[in-house]
Amino acid sequence: AAAKQAIREQALALGFDAVGFASAEPVARDAVDLGRFLAMGRAGDMGWLDNPRRGDALKTMPAARTVVVLGANYGPAVDPLAAHAHRDRAAISVYAQGSDYHDVLKKRIKRLGRWMAETLGGEIKVFVDTAPVMEKPLAARAGVGWQGKHTNLVSREFGSWLFLAEVFTSL
């Protein structure tokens, strides 16, 4: 419990807004749900979703025991729909405004991972939407939010405005 609290405090200090912990053990339902999603053709042209490692964190990192799931709020300070009033200008999706979230979060999560390894020990691997990781089901199990019918993660505090990142750890 003390290690989790220390990780939570460090993650929040690094600018993450949500922190949760889930077992790295695979949950069969994740693979079943993904298989059904793919079989129904709902992945469109996202062929990369069909990866045998997806749905089993241990195939990505066999030594993993815990996944630290992190969320970074990207909710706008102003009403994002206001841009639609200006028909002569393009409206850019909120998640695509500013610096690339992969780069921003990768720096933060690497700092957290280094801190974890130096302070608590264990092996770590960090991910920001860059590996065959079932981020949303992991986030739901970690208590960060729940997966809605639209397949997005929904948080009580941040709605659907969260970028997700994970630290797989042997701790």
Protein backbone atom coordinates (compact mmCIF):
# COMPACT_ATOMS: atom_id res chain seq x y z
CA ALA A 1 0.00 0.00 0.00
CA ALA A 2 2.87 2.38 0.76
CA ALA A 3 4.47 1.71 -2.64
CA LYS A 4 1.18 2.40 -4.43
CA GLN A 5 0.74 5.65 -2.55
CA ALA A 6 4.31 6.73 -3.34
CA ILE A 7 3.80 5.91 -7.04
CA ARG A 8 0.50 7.80 -7.05
CA GLU A 9 2.08 10.88 -5.46
CA GLN A 10 5.03 10.83 -7.88
CA ALA A 11 2.75 10.41 -10.91
CA LEU A 12 0.54 13.31 -9.83
CA ALA A 13 3.64 15.44 -9.23
CA LEU A 14 4.78 14.67 -12.79
CA GLY A 15 1.51 16.00 -14.20
CA PHE A 16 -0.68 12.92 -14.53
CA ASP A 17 -4.27 13.46 -13.42
CA ALA A 18 -5.43 9.89 -12.81
CA VAL A 19 -3.53 6.92 -11.40
CA GLY A 20 -4.71 3.35 -10.94
CA PHE A 21 -3.27 -0.14 -10.47
CA ALA A 22 -4.29 -3.40 -12.12
CA SER A 23 -2.96 -6.92 -12.13
CA ALA A 24 -0.93 -7.78 -15.22
CA GLU A 25 -2.62 -11.20 -15.36
CA PRO A 26 -4.59 -11.55 -18.59
CA VAL A 27 -8.37 -11.52 -18.44
CA ALA A 28 -9.85 -13.89 -21.03
CA ARG A 29 -12.81 -11.61 -21.66
CA ASP A 30 -10.48 -8.94 -23.12
CA ALA A 31 -9.32 -11.27 -25.90
CA VAL A 32 -12.87 -12.52 -26.49
CA ASP A 33 -14.24 -8.97 -26.73
CA LEU A 34 -11.44 -7.91 -29.07
CA GLY A 35 -11.98 -10.99 -31.25
CA ARG A 36 -15.69 -10.20 -31.53
CA PHE A 37 -14.92 -6.54 -32.35
CA LEU A 38 -12.51 -7.60 -35.10
CA ALA A 39 -14.82 -10.31 -36.48
CA MET A 40 -17.62 -7.75 -36.81
CA GLY A 41 -15.33 -5.57 -38.93
CA ARG A 42 -15.44 -2.69 -36.47
CA ALA A 43 -11.69 -2.07 -36.66
CA GLY A 44 -12.06 -0.63 -40.15
CA ASP A 45 -8.59 -0.21 -41.65
CA MET A 46 -6.84 -0.48 -38.26
CA GLY A 47 -5.32 -3.88 -39.01
CA TRP A 48 -2.69 -3.37 -36.33
CA LEU A 49 -5.39 -4.11 -33.71
CA ASP A 50 -5.27 -7.77 -34.73
CA ASN A 51 -2.13 -8.71 -32.82
CA PRO A 52 -1.87 -11.97 -30.84
CA ARG A 53 -0.01 -10.15 -28.02
CA ARG A 54 -2.89 -7.71 -27.49
CA GLY A 55 -5.00 -8.69 -24.53
CA ASP A 56 -2.20 -10.39 -22.60
CA ALA A 57 0.20 -8.03 -20.83
CA LEU A 58 2.47 -10.97 -20.01
CA LYS A 59 3.20 -11.46 -23.72
CA THR A 60 4.44 -7.86 -23.79
CA MET A 61 6.41 -8.20 -20.54
CA PRO A 62 6.55 -11.72 -19.05
CA ALA A 63 7.88 -10.45 -15.70
CA ALA A 64 5.00 -7.99 -15.23
CA ARG A 65 2.90 -8.37 -12.12
CA THR A 66 1.25 -4.95 -12.00
CA VAL A 67 0.25 -2.31 -14.51
CA VAL A 68 0.20 1.30 -13.35
CA VAL A 69 -2.39 3.03 -15.50
CA LEU A 70 -2.05 6.77 -15.87
CA GLY A 71 -4.39 9.33 -17.32
CA ALA A 72 -3.62 12.87 -18.46
CA ASN A 73 -6.59 15.20 -18.81
CA TYR A 74 -6.70 17.00 -22.14
CA GLY A 75 -10.07 18.63 -21.62
CA PRO A 76 -10.16 22.13 -23.10
CA ALA A 77 -10.47 25.30 -21.03
CA VAL A 78 -13.09 26.60 -23.46
CA ASP A 79 -16.09 25.04 -25.18
CA PRO A 80 -14.65 23.02 -28.09
CA LEU A 81 -17.90 23.33 -30.05
CA ALA A 82 -17.53 27.12 -30.22
CA ALA A 83 -15.10 26.64 -33.13
CA HIS A 84 -18.00 25.38 -35.26
CA ALA A 85 -19.56 28.85 -35.19
CA HIS A 86 -16.76 30.00 -37.52
CA ARG A 87 -17.65 28.10 -40.70
CA ASP A 88 -14.78 29.74 -42.60
CA ARG A 89 -12.18 28.08 -40.34
CA ALA A 90 -11.24 24.48 -39.69
CA ALA A 91 -12.05 22.94 -36.33
CA ILE A 92 -9.19 20.81 -35.03
CA SER A 93 -10.05 17.93 -32.70
CA VAL A 94 -9.09 18.79 -29.14
CA TYR A 95 -6.76 15.80 -28.76
CA ALA A 96 -4.77 16.95 -31.82
CA GLN A 97 -4.24 20.51 -30.59
CA GLY A 98 -0.88 21.32 -29.03
CA SER A 99 2.13 19.03 -28.89
CA ASP A 100 1.82 15.36 -29.81
CA TYR A 101 0.54 13.61 -26.69
CA HIS A 102 2.77 10.58 -27.38
CA ASP A 103 5.87 12.78 -26.97
CA VAL A 104 4.54 14.71 -23.96
CA LEU A 105 3.42 11.64 -22.04
CA LYS A 106 6.43 9.52 -23.01
CA LYS A 107 8.74 12.02 -21.26
CA ARG A 108 6.59 12.00 -18.12
CA ILE A 109 6.15 8.25 -18.00
CA LYS A 110 9.85 7.59 -18.56
CA ARG A 111 10.61 9.85 -15.59
CA LEU A 112 8.07 7.95 -13.50
CA GLY A 113 9.49 4.60 -14.61
CA ARG A 114 13.06 5.66 -13.79
CA TRP A 115 11.92 6.90 -10.39
CA MET A 116 10.08 3.62 -9.73
CA ALA A 117 13.12 1.50 -10.69
CA GLU A 118 15.53 3.61 -8.63
CA THR A 119 13.26 3.97 -5.61
CA LEU A 120 11.29 0.72 -5.50
CA GLY A 121 13.31 -1.64 -7.69
CA GLY A 122 11.91 -4.12 -10.15
CA GLU A 123 11.76 -4.17 -13.92
CA ILE A 124 9.63 -1.71 -15.87
CA LYS A 125 8.36 -1.06 -19.39
CA VAL A 126 6.45 2.07 -20.33
CA PHE A 127 3.82 2.55 -23.01
CA VAL A 128 1.89 5.45 -24.49
CA ASP A 129 -0.42 4.01 -27.11
CA THR A 130 2.61 2.43 -28.78
CA ALA A 131 2.30 -1.31 -28.15
CA PRO A 132 -0.35 -4.03 -28.35
CA VAL A 133 -1.78 -3.13 -24.95
CA MET A 134 -5.48 -3.21 -24.10
CA GLU A 135 -5.34 0.21 -22.47
CA LYS A 136 -9.02 0.81 -21.86
CA PRO A 137 -9.84 -2.53 -20.19
CA LEU A 138 -6.69 -2.16 -18.06
CA ALA A 139 -7.72 1.39 -17.14
CA ALA A 140 -11.18 0.16 -16.18
CA ARG A 141 -9.73 -2.60 -13.96
CA ALA A 142 -7.39 -0.04 -12.41
CA GLY A 143 -10.37 2.13 -11.43
CA VAL A 144 -9.45 5.03 -13.74
CA GLY A 145 -12.88 4.87 -15.41
CA TRP A 146 -15.14 2.51 -17.33
CA GLN A 147 -15.43 1.62 -20.97
CA GLY A 148 -18.60 3.01 -22.52
CA LYS A 149 -20.62 1.52 -25.37
CA HIS A 150 -18.68 3.85 -27.68
CA THR A 151 -15.55 1.90 -26.52
CA ASN A 152 -13.92 5.02 -25.04
CA LEU A 153 -12.84 5.19 -21.43
CA VAL A 154 -15.07 7.45 -19.34
CA SER A 155 -13.88 8.95 -16.07
CA ARG A 156 -16.20 10.41 -13.43
CA GLU A 157 -13.86 13.37 -13.06
CA PHE A 158 -12.61 13.93 -16.62
CA GLY A 159 -15.27 12.41 -18.87
CA SER A 160 -13.68 11.06 -22.06
CA TRP A 161 -10.85 13.62 -21.98
CA LEU A 162 -8.00 11.34 -20.87
CA PHE A 163 -4.87 10.27 -22.67
CA LEU A 164 -3.72 6.92 -21.27
CA ALA A 165 -0.25 5.60 -20.52
CA GLU A 166 0.99 2.53 -18.67
CA VAL A 167 3.95 1.35 -16.65
CA PHE A 168 4.28 -2.42 -16.62
CA THR A 169 6.26 -3.47 -13.57
CA SER A 170 7.50 -6.64 -11.94
CA LEU A 171 6.53 -5.16 -8.54
